[in-house]
Amino acid sequence: MKQHVFAVGWLQIGLSIVWMLIGFTVAILIWGIGLSTHDRDAIEVLSIIAPIIVVFCIVTALPSIIGGIFLLRFKEWSRILVIIVSFIDLINFPIGTAVGAYSLWVLLNNDTIKLFIDQPPQATAAESANI
């Protein structure tokens, strides 16, 4: 199950990066449309909407990126965070649905739960030097 946990971590990170890139692309297109109209009102409105889209995409992607990074380090709290994010991913058809379902299957598996519970605590640098 360790390989599956790594796969889920990287899938969450990758899907979130793609989501942010899509958000940036849409924002640039909207901003560009506003500029191409040469209409002052359109430029003002679309110049407000474009950053809102970027901020929305970043805010919605950050939990998946953070959860994915710490899932690779087998932190129990990240498993719970990615489970919550995976339920939300189910709405994002078709790729998000597949990643969300796979993530839930992996992270709710009893063998995976044991992996996270059985992880020895990380030794600090001072403790490692004494060994």
N, C-alpha and C. Protein backbone atom coordinates (compact mmCIF):
# COMPACT_ATOMS: atom_id res chain seq x y z
N MET A 1 0.81 -1.20 0.00
CA MET A 1 0.00 0.00 0.00
C MET A 1 0.86 1.27 0.00
N LYS A 2 2.12 1.12 0.36
CA LYS A 2 2.99 2.29 0.40
C LYS A 2 3.08 2.96 -0.98
N GLN A 3 3.17 2.15 -2.03
CA GLN A 3 3.25 2.71 -3.38
C GLN A 3 1.97 3.46 -3.73
N HIS A 4 0.83 2.94 -3.26
CA HIS A 4 -0.44 3.60 -3.53
C HIS A 4 -0.51 4.95 -2.81
N VAL A 5 0.00 5.00 -1.60
CA VAL A 5 0.01 6.27 -0.85
C VAL A 5 0.88 7.28 -1.58
N PHE A 6 2.04 6.86 -2.07
CA PHE A 6 2.89 7.76 -2.84
C PHE A 6 2.17 8.22 -4.11
N ALA A 7 1.48 7.30 -4.77
CA ALA A 7 0.74 7.65 -5.99
C ALA A 7 -0.35 8.68 -5.68
N VAL A 8 -1.07 8.48 -4.58
CA VAL A 8 -2.12 9.43 -4.20
C VAL A 8 -1.51 10.79 -3.91
N GLY A 9 -0.40 10.82 -3.19
CA GLY A 9 0.25 12.09 -2.89
C GLY A 9 0.63 12.84 -4.15
N TRP A 10 1.27 12.14 -5.08
CA TRP A 10 1.68 12.80 -6.32
C TRP A 10 0.49 13.16 -7.21
N LEU A 11 -0.56 12.33 -7.21
CA LEU A 11 -1.75 12.67 -7.98
C LEU A 11 -2.43 13.92 -7.44
N GLN A 12 -2.50 14.04 -6.13
CA GLN A 12 -3.11 15.23 -5.53
C GLN A 12 -2.30 16.48 -5.87
N ILE A 13 -0.98 16.37 -5.76
CA ILE A 13 -0.12 17.51 -6.09
C ILE A 13 -0.26 17.86 -7.57
N GLY A 14 -0.19 16.86 -8.43
CA GLY A 14 -0.26 17.09 -9.88
C GLY A 14 -1.60 17.67 -10.31
N LEU A 15 -2.69 17.12 -9.79
CA LEU A 15 -4.02 17.60 -10.15
C LEU A 15 -4.20 19.06 -9.70
N SER A 16 -3.66 19.40 -8.55
CA SER A 16 -3.77 20.78 -8.05
C SER A 16 -2.96 21.75 -8.89
N ILE A 17 -1.78 21.32 -9.31
CA ILE A 17 -0.96 22.18 -10.17
C ILE A 17 -1.66 22.42 -11.51
N VAL A 18 -2.25 21.38 -12.06
CA VAL A 18 -3.00 21.53 -13.31
C VAL A 18 -4.18 22.49 -13.11
N TRP A 19 -4.87 22.34 -11.98
CA TRP A 19 -6.00 23.22 -11.66
C TRP A 19 -5.55 24.69 -11.59
N MET A 20 -4.40 24.93 -10.95
CA MET A 20 -3.90 26.30 -10.87
C MET A 20 -3.50 26.83 -12.25
N LEU A 21 -2.89 25.98 -13.08
CA LEU A 21 -2.51 26.41 -14.43
C LEU A 21 -3.74 26.75 -15.27
N ILE A 22 -4.80 25.95 -15.12
CA ILE A 22 -6.05 26.25 -15.83
C ILE A 22 -6.60 27.59 -15.35
N GLY A 23 -6.56 27.82 -14.04
CA GLY A 23 -7.05 29.09 -13.50
C GLY A 23 -6.26 30.28 -14.03
N PHE A 24 -4.93 30.15 -14.05
CA PHE A 24 -4.10 31.23 -14.60
C PHE A 24 -4.40 31.47 -16.08
N THR A 25 -4.58 30.40 -16.83
CA THR A 25 -4.86 30.52 -18.26
C THR A 25 -6.20 31.21 -18.50
N VAL A 26 -7.22 30.79 -17.76
CA VAL A 26 -8.54 31.41 -17.91
C VAL A 26 -8.47 32.88 -17.51
N ALA A 27 -7.76 33.18 -16.44
CA ALA A 27 -7.65 34.58 -16.00
C ALA A 27 -6.96 35.43 -17.05
N ILE A 28 -5.89 34.90 -17.64
CA ILE A 28 -5.18 35.65 -18.68
C ILE A 28 -6.08 35.86 -19.90
N LEU A 29 -6.82 34.82 -20.27
CA LEU A 29 -7.74 34.96 -21.41
C LEU A 29 -8.82 36.00 -21.13
N ILE A 30 -9.39 35.98 -19.93
CA ILE A 30 -10.42 36.95 -19.58
C ILE A 30 -9.84 38.37 -19.58
N TRP A 31 -8.67 38.52 -19.01
CA TRP A 31 -8.03 39.83 -18.98
C TRP A 31 -7.73 40.30 -20.41
N GLY A 32 -7.25 39.37 -21.24
CA GLY A 32 -6.96 39.70 -22.64
C GLY A 32 -8.20 40.08 -23.42
N ILE A 33 -9.31 39.40 -23.15
CA ILE A 33 -10.57 39.75 -23.81
C ILE A 33 -10.97 41.17 -23.44
N GLY A 34 -10.80 41.49 -22.16
CA GLY A 34 -11.13 42.86 -21.72
C GLY A 34 -10.28 43.90 -22.43
N LEU A 35 -8.98 43.62 -22.56
CA LEU A 35 -8.11 44.57 -23.25
C LEU A 35 -8.43 44.68 -24.74
N SER A 36 -8.82 43.56 -25.35
CA SER A 36 -9.07 43.57 -26.80
C SER A 36 -10.35 44.31 -27.16
N THR A 37 -11.26 44.48 -26.21
CA THR A 37 -12.51 45.19 -26.52
C THR A 37 -12.31 46.70 -26.60
N HIS A 38 -11.25 47.20 -25.98
CA HIS A 38 -10.97 48.63 -25.91
C HIS A 38 -12.11 49.40 -25.26
N ASP A 39 -12.90 48.67 -24.49
CA ASP A 39 -14.01 49.28 -23.75
C ASP A 39 -13.56 49.45 -22.30
N ARG A 40 -13.61 50.67 -21.82
CA ARG A 40 -13.09 50.96 -20.48
C ARG A 40 -13.82 50.17 -19.40
N ASP A 41 -15.13 50.07 -19.50
CA ASP A 41 -15.91 49.35 -18.50
C ASP A 41 -15.57 47.85 -18.51
N ALA A 42 -15.45 47.29 -19.70
CA ALA A 42 -15.11 45.86 -19.82
C ALA A 42 -13.72 45.60 -19.24
N ILE A 43 -12.78 46.48 -19.51
CA ILE A 43 -11.42 46.32 -18.98
C ILE A 43 -11.45 46.36 -17.46
N GLU A 44 -12.19 47.30 -16.88
CA GLU A 44 -12.26 47.41 -15.42
C GLU A 44 -12.91 46.17 -14.80
N VAL A 45 -14.02 45.74 -15.34
CA VAL A 45 -14.73 44.58 -14.77
C VAL A 45 -13.90 43.31 -14.92
N LEU A 46 -13.37 43.07 -16.09
CA LEU A 46 -12.60 41.85 -16.31
C LEU A 46 -11.25 41.88 -15.60
N SER A 47 -10.73 43.08 -15.34
CA SER A 47 -9.50 43.19 -14.55
C SER A 47 -9.74 42.87 -13.08
N ILE A 48 -10.98 42.95 -12.65
CA ILE A 48 -11.34 42.55 -11.29
C ILE A 48 -11.62 41.04 -11.25
N ILE A 49 -12.29 40.54 -12.25
CA ILE A 49 -12.68 39.12 -12.28
C ILE A 49 -11.46 38.21 -12.43
N ALA A 50 -10.50 38.59 -13.26
CA ALA A 50 -9.33 37.74 -13.51
C ALA A 50 -8.55 37.41 -12.24
N PRO A 51 -8.21 38.38 -11.39
CA PRO A 51 -7.50 38.02 -10.15
C PRO A 51 -8.35 37.19 -9.19
N ILE A 52 -9.66 37.40 -9.21
CA ILE A 52 -10.55 36.61 -8.36
C ILE A 52 -10.47 35.14 -8.76
N ILE A 53 -10.42 34.88 -10.06
CA ILE A 53 -10.31 33.50 -10.55
C ILE A 53 -8.98 32.90 -10.11
N VAL A 54 -7.91 33.66 -10.22
CA VAL A 54 -6.58 33.16 -9.82
C VAL A 54 -6.56 32.84 -8.33
N VAL A 55 -7.07 33.75 -7.51
CA VAL A 55 -7.08 33.53 -6.06
C VAL A 55 -7.95 32.32 -5.72
N PHE A 56 -9.10 32.18 -6.37
CA PHE A 56 -9.97 31.03 -6.13
C PHE A 56 -9.25 29.72 -6.44
N CYS A 57 -8.57 29.67 -7.58
CA CYS A 57 -7.87 28.45 -7.97
C CYS A 57 -6.72 28.13 -7.01
N ILE A 58 -6.01 29.14 -6.56
CA ILE A 58 -4.91 28.91 -5.63
C ILE A 58 -5.44 28.43 -4.29
N VAL A 59 -6.48 29.08 -3.79
CA VAL A 59 -7.04 28.72 -2.48
C VAL A 59 -7.62 27.31 -2.50
N THR A 60 -8.25 26.92 -3.60
CA THR A 60 -8.82 25.57 -3.66
C THR A 60 -7.76 24.51 -3.94
N ALA A 61 -6.63 24.89 -4.51
CA ALA A 61 -5.58 23.91 -4.79
C ALA A 61 -4.62 23.70 -3.63
N LEU A 62 -4.44 24.70 -2.78
CA LEU A 62 -3.47 24.61 -1.69
C LEU A 62 -3.70 23.43 -0.74
N PRO A 63 -4.93 23.14 -0.31
CA PRO A 63 -5.10 21.99 0.58
C PRO A 63 -4.63 20.68 -0.05
N SER A 64 -4.86 20.51 -1.33
CA SER A 64 -4.41 19.28 -2.02
C SER A 64 -2.90 19.22 -2.11
N ILE A 65 -2.27 20.35 -2.39
CA ILE A 65 -0.81 20.37 -2.49
C ILE A 65 -0.19 20.11 -1.13
N ILE A 66 -0.67 20.80 -0.11
CA ILE A 66 -0.14 20.59 1.25
C ILE A 66 -0.40 19.17 1.70
N GLY A 67 -1.63 18.70 1.49
CA GLY A 67 -1.96 17.32 1.88
C GLY A 67 -1.12 16.30 1.14
N GLY A 68 -0.90 16.52 -0.16
CA GLY A 68 -0.10 15.60 -0.95
C GLY A 68 1.35 15.55 -0.50
N ILE A 69 1.92 16.71 -0.20
CA ILE A 69 3.32 16.77 0.24
C ILE A 69 3.49 16.02 1.56
N PHE A 70 2.61 16.28 2.51
CA PHE A 70 2.75 15.64 3.81
C PHE A 70 2.25 14.20 3.81
N LEU A 71 1.44 13.84 2.81
CA LEU A 71 1.05 12.44 2.65
C LEU A 71 2.28 11.62 2.25
N LEU A 72 3.15 12.20 1.46
CA LEU A 72 4.39 11.53 1.08
C LEU A 72 5.29 11.30 2.29
N ARG A 73 5.08 12.08 3.35
CA ARG A 73 5.85 11.94 4.59
C ARG A 73 5.09 11.13 5.65
N PHE A 74 3.93 10.61 5.26
CA PHE A 74 3.11 9.74 6.13
C PHE A 74 2.66 10.43 7.41
N LYS A 75 2.21 11.67 7.29
CA LYS A 75 1.63 12.38 8.43
C LYS A 75 0.15 12.03 8.50
N GLU A 76 -0.32 11.63 9.67
CA GLU A 76 -1.72 11.20 9.83
C GLU A 76 -2.70 12.32 9.48
N TRP A 77 -2.41 13.55 9.89
CA TRP A 77 -3.32 14.65 9.61
C TRP A 77 -3.46 14.88 8.10
N SER A 78 -2.41 14.60 7.34
CA SER A 78 -2.49 14.80 5.89
C SER A 78 -3.40 13.75 5.26
N ARG A 79 -3.43 12.56 5.84
CA ARG A 79 -4.34 11.51 5.34
C ARG A 79 -5.78 11.99 5.48
N ILE A 80 -6.10 12.58 6.63
CA ILE A 80 -7.46 13.07 6.86
C ILE A 80 -7.77 14.23 5.93
N LEU A 81 -6.81 15.15 5.75
CA LEU A 81 -7.01 16.28 4.84
C LEU A 81 -7.26 15.80 3.42
N VAL A 82 -6.47 14.84 2.95
CA VAL A 82 -6.63 14.35 1.58
C VAL A 82 -7.94 13.56 1.44
N ILE A 83 -8.40 12.92 2.48
CA ILE A 83 -9.71 12.25 2.42
C ILE A 83 -10.80 13.29 2.19
N ILE A 84 -10.75 14.40 2.91
CA ILE A 84 -11.74 15.47 2.74
C ILE A 84 -11.65 16.06 1.34
N VAL A 85 -10.44 16.33 0.88
CA VAL A 85 -10.24 16.88 -0.46
C VAL A 85 -10.72 15.89 -1.52
N SER A 86 -10.51 14.60 -1.28
CA SER A 86 -10.91 13.58 -2.25
C SER A 86 -12.42 13.52 -2.42
N PHE A 87 -13.16 13.73 -1.33
CA PHE A 87 -14.62 13.78 -1.45
C PHE A 87 -15.03 14.96 -2.34
N ILE A 88 -14.36 16.08 -2.19
CA ILE A 88 -14.65 17.25 -3.03
C ILE A 88 -14.22 16.99 -4.47
N ASP A 89 -13.11 16.27 -4.67
CA ASP A 89 -12.63 15.94 -6.02
C ASP A 89 -13.64 15.10 -6.80
N LEU A 90 -14.47 14.35 -6.11
CA LEU A 90 -15.44 13.50 -6.79
C LEU A 90 -16.37 14.31 -7.69
N ILE A 91 -16.59 15.57 -7.37
CA ILE A 91 -17.46 16.44 -8.16
C ILE A 91 -16.81 16.80 -9.50
N ASN A 92 -15.50 16.84 -9.54
CA ASN A 92 -14.74 17.31 -10.70
C ASN A 92 -14.62 16.19 -11.74
N PHE A 93 -15.70 15.97 -12.49
CA PHE A 93 -15.75 14.88 -13.46
C PHE A 93 -14.94 15.23 -14.69
N PRO A 94 -14.23 14.32 -15.30
CA PRO A 94 -14.00 12.90 -15.03
C PRO A 94 -12.69 12.63 -14.27
N ILE A 95 -11.70 13.51 -14.44
CA ILE A 95 -10.38 13.22 -13.87
C ILE A 95 -10.42 13.32 -12.35
N GLY A 96 -11.04 14.37 -11.82
CA GLY A 96 -11.15 14.53 -10.38
C GLY A 96 -11.91 13.38 -9.74
N THR A 97 -12.93 12.88 -10.44
CA THR A 97 -13.69 11.75 -9.93
C THR A 97 -12.80 10.52 -9.81
N ALA A 98 -12.00 10.28 -10.83
CA ALA A 98 -11.11 9.11 -10.80
C ALA A 98 -10.05 9.25 -9.71
N VAL A 99 -9.44 10.43 -9.61
CA VAL A 99 -8.41 10.64 -8.59
C VAL A 99 -9.03 10.59 -7.20
N GLY A 100 -10.19 11.19 -7.04
CA GLY A 100 -10.87 11.18 -5.74
C GLY A 100 -11.26 9.78 -5.30
N ALA A 101 -11.81 9.00 -6.23
CA ALA A 101 -12.22 7.63 -5.89
C ALA A 101 -11.00 6.78 -5.55
N TYR A 102 -9.94 6.89 -6.33
CA TYR A 102 -8.72 6.14 -6.06
C TYR A 102 -8.12 6.55 -4.71
N SER A 103 -8.10 7.86 -4.46
CA SER A 103 -7.54 8.35 -3.19
C SER A 103 -8.34 7.82 -2.01
N LEU A 104 -9.66 7.84 -2.12
CA LEU A 104 -10.50 7.33 -1.03
C LEU A 104 -10.28 5.84 -0.84
N TRP A 105 -10.17 5.10 -1.93
CA TRP A 105 -9.94 3.66 -1.83
C TRP A 105 -8.63 3.38 -1.10
N VAL A 106 -7.59 4.13 -1.44
CA VAL A 106 -6.29 3.92 -0.81
C VAL A 106 -6.30 4.36 0.64
N LEU A 107 -6.76 5.58 0.91
CA LEU A 107 -6.62 6.16 2.23
C LEU A 107 -7.59 5.60 3.27
N LEU A 108 -8.68 4.99 2.82
CA LEU A 108 -9.63 4.39 3.76
C LEU A 108 -9.37 2.90 3.96
N ASN A 109 -8.37 2.37 3.27
CA ASN A 109 -8.01 0.97 3.39
C ASN A 109 -7.37 0.70 4.76
N ASN A 110 -7.70 -0.42 5.38
CA ASN A 110 -7.16 -0.75 6.70
C ASN A 110 -5.64 -0.87 6.69
N ASP A 111 -5.07 -1.41 5.62
CA ASP A 111 -3.60 -1.52 5.54
C ASP A 111 -2.94 -0.14 5.52
N THR A 112 -3.58 0.81 4.85
CA THR A 112 -3.04 2.17 4.80
C THR A 112 -3.14 2.83 6.17
N ILE A 113 -4.24 2.63 6.86
CA ILE A 113 -4.40 3.20 8.20
C ILE A 113 -3.30 2.67 9.11
N LYS A 114 -3.00 1.38 9.00
CA LYS A 114 -1.92 0.79 9.81
C LYS A 114 -0.57 1.41 9.46
N LEU A 115 -0.36 1.72 8.19
CA LEU A 115 0.90 2.36 7.77
C LEU A 115 1.11 3.68 8.49
N PHE A 116 0.04 4.46 8.60
CA PHE A 116 0.15 5.76 9.23
C PHE A 116 0.26 5.66 10.75
N ILE A 117 -0.40 4.68 11.33
CA ILE A 117 -0.36 4.51 12.79
C ILE A 117 0.99 3.93 13.21
N ASP A 118 1.54 3.02 12.42
CA ASP A 118 2.78 2.33 12.78
C ASP A 118 4.04 3.13 12.45
N GLN A 119 3.90 4.35 11.94
CA GLN A 119 5.08 5.14 11.60
C GLN A 119 5.80 5.55 12.88
N PRO A 120 7.10 5.26 12.99
CA PRO A 120 7.84 5.71 14.18
C PRO A 120 7.97 7.23 14.16
N PRO A 121 7.99 7.85 15.33
CA PRO A 121 8.14 9.31 15.36
C PRO A 121 9.48 9.72 14.76
N GLN A 122 9.49 10.85 14.09
CA GLN A 122 10.71 11.35 13.46
C GLN A 122 11.68 11.80 14.55
N ALA A 123 12.92 11.34 14.46
CA ALA A 123 13.94 11.74 15.44
C ALA A 123 14.43 13.13 15.10
N THR A 124 14.65 13.93 16.12
CA THR A 124 15.19 15.26 15.89
C THR A 124 16.69 15.15 15.62
N ALA A 125 17.28 16.21 15.14
CA ALA A 125 18.71 16.21 14.81
C ALA A 125 19.55 15.96 16.06
N ALA A 126 19.13 16.51 17.20
CA ALA A 126 19.89 16.31 18.44
C ALA A 126 19.84 14.86 18.90
N GLU A 127 18.65 14.23 18.75
CA GLU A 127 18.53 12.82 19.13
C GLU A 127 19.34 11.93 18.20
N SER A 128 19.38 12.28 16.91
CA SER A 128 20.13 11.49 15.94
C SER A 128 21.62 11.56 16.22
N ALA A 129 22.11 12.70 16.70
CA ALA A 129 23.52 12.86 16.97
C ALA A 129 23.95 12.01 18.18
N ASN A 130 23.03 11.76 19.08
CA ASN A 130 23.34 10.97 20.28
C ASN A 130 23.37 9.46 20.01
N ILE A 131 22.85 9.05 18.90
CA ILE A 131 22.76 7.61 18.61
C ILE A 131 24.07 7.06 18.16
